[in-house]
Amino acid sequence: MYLIRGNDQCAYLTHAECKNQNAADEWMIADTLEIQDALEQGILVFPEPQQTQHIQRIQSILEDV
């Protein structure tokens, strides 16, 4: 799973994959970094986030990192 945290302190899932290899896909990393750059510049990339229990749980985990 590729997660980033936006300036709004919300966690965003950009990609997910399931495969036999243990290496990340380079294009997914590059795409995730482009999304993060856009969020940091204030460009709306995702629809308005919904505050679900899952998002709150992810936020709690990211705060501990």
C-alpha atoms as a PDB file:
ATOM      1  CA  MET A   1       0.000   0.000   0.000  1.00  0.00           C
ATOM      2  CA  TYR A   2       1.186   3.464  -0.821  1.00  0.00           C
ATOM      3  CA  LEU A   3       0.006   6.033   1.707  1.00  0.00           C
ATOM      4  CA  ILE A   4       0.799   9.710   2.016  1.00  0.00           C
ATOM      5  CA  ARG A   5      -0.340  12.378   4.438  1.00  0.00           C
ATOM      6  CA  GLY A   6      -1.674  15.620   3.022  1.00  0.00           C
ATOM      7  CA  ASN A   7      -1.315  19.090   4.486  1.00  0.00           C
ATOM      8  CA  ASP A   8      -4.831  18.603   5.867  1.00  0.00           C
ATOM      9  CA  GLN A   9      -3.439  15.789   8.054  1.00  0.00           C
ATOM     10  CA  CYS A  10      -5.569  13.235   6.200  1.00  0.00           C
ATOM     11  CA  ALA A  11      -4.032  10.005   5.002  1.00  0.00           C
ATOM     12  CA  TYR A  12      -4.471   9.186   1.340  1.00  0.00           C
ATOM     13  CA  LEU A  13      -4.164   5.765  -0.244  1.00  0.00           C
ATOM     14  CA  THR A  14      -2.641   6.307  -3.675  1.00  0.00           C
ATOM     15  CA  HIS A  15      -2.022   2.726  -4.779  1.00  0.00           C
ATOM     16  CA  ALA A  16      -2.202  -0.835  -3.521  1.00  0.00           C
ATOM     17  CA  GLU A  17      -0.801  -4.000  -4.956  1.00  0.00           C
ATOM     18  CA  CYS A  18      -0.550  -7.668  -4.206  1.00  0.00           C
ATOM     19  CA  LYS A  19       2.217  -9.629  -5.863  1.00  0.00           C
ATOM     20  CA  ASN A  20       4.831 -12.285  -5.299  1.00  0.00           C
ATOM     21  CA  GLN A  21       7.816  -9.947  -5.615  1.00  0.00           C
ATOM     22  CA  ASN A  22       8.953  -7.941  -2.620  1.00  0.00           C
ATOM     23  CA  ALA A  23      10.028  -4.832  -4.540  1.00  0.00           C
ATOM     24  CA  ALA A  24       7.830  -1.811  -5.028  1.00  0.00           C
ATOM     25  CA  ASP A  25       6.759  -0.807  -8.527  1.00  0.00           C
ATOM     26  CA  GLU A  26       8.711   2.268  -9.571  1.00  0.00           C
ATOM     27  CA  TRP A  27       5.791   3.833 -11.459  1.00  0.00           C
ATOM     28  CA  MET A  28       3.585   3.576  -8.348  1.00  0.00           C
ATOM     29  CA  ILE A  29       6.239   5.316  -6.263  1.00  0.00           C
ATOM     30  CA  ALA A  30       6.670   8.028  -8.914  1.00  0.00           C
ATOM     31  CA  ASP A  31       2.915   8.529  -9.205  1.00  0.00           C
ATOM     32  CA  THR A  32       2.565   8.706  -5.424  1.00  0.00           C
ATOM     33  CA  LEU A  33       5.294  11.362  -5.256  1.00  0.00           C
ATOM     34  CA  GLU A  34       3.540  13.387  -7.974  1.00  0.00           C
ATOM     35  CA  ILE A  35       0.308  13.219  -5.987  1.00  0.00           C
ATOM     36  CA  GLN A  36       2.131  14.299  -2.825  1.00  0.00           C
ATOM     37  CA  ASP A  37       3.742  17.223  -4.670  1.00  0.00           C
ATOM     38  CA  ALA A  38       0.330  18.331  -5.962  1.00  0.00           C
ATOM     39  CA  LEU A  39      -1.199  18.164  -2.477  1.00  0.00           C
ATOM     40  CA  GLU A  40       1.682  20.196  -1.043  1.00  0.00           C
ATOM     41  CA  GLN A  41       1.030  22.841  -3.720  1.00  0.00           C
ATOM     42  CA  GLY A  42      -2.628  22.979  -2.730  1.00  0.00           C
ATOM     43  CA  ILE A  43      -3.882  21.283  -5.897  1.00  0.00           C
ATOM     44  CA  LEU A  44      -7.055  19.310  -5.262  1.00  0.00           C
ATOM     45  CA  VAL A  45      -6.268  15.741  -6.278  1.00  0.00           C
ATOM     46  CA  PHE A  46      -8.858  13.742  -4.383  1.00  0.00           C
ATOM     47  CA  PRO A  47     -12.517  14.399  -3.653  1.00  0.00           C
ATOM     48  CA  GLU A  48     -13.325  15.748  -0.206  1.00  0.00           C
ATOM     49  CA  PRO A  49     -12.147  13.107   2.285  1.00  0.00           C
ATOM     50  CA  GLN A  50     -14.711  11.329   4.369  1.00  0.00           C
ATOM     51  CA  GLN A  51     -13.961  11.032   8.043  1.00  0.00           C
ATOM     52  CA  THR A  52     -14.486   7.331   8.584  1.00  0.00           C
ATOM     53  CA  GLN A  53     -13.187   5.211  11.412  1.00  0.00           C
ATOM     54  CA  HIS A  54     -10.569   3.845   9.034  1.00  0.00           C
ATOM     55  CA  ILE A  55      -9.235   7.298   8.195  1.00  0.00           C
ATOM     56  CA  GLN A  56      -9.165   8.250  11.856  1.00  0.00           C
ATOM     57  CA  ARG A  57      -7.246   5.058  12.627  1.00  0.00           C
ATOM     58  CA  ILE A  58      -4.699   5.754   9.876  1.00  0.00           C
ATOM     59  CA  GLN A  59      -4.300   9.318  11.120  1.00  0.00           C
ATOM     60  CA  SER A  60      -3.631   8.014  14.611  1.00  0.00           C
ATOM     61  CA  ILE A  61      -0.973   5.646  13.259  1.00  0.00           C
ATOM     62  CA  LEU A  62       0.700   8.409  11.244  1.00  0.00           C
ATOM     63  CA  GLU A  63       0.816  10.689  14.274  1.00  0.00           C
ATOM     64  CA  ASP A  64       2.870   8.068  16.090  1.00  0.00           C
ATOM     65  CA  VAL A  65       5.443   7.867  13.273  1.00  0.00           C
END
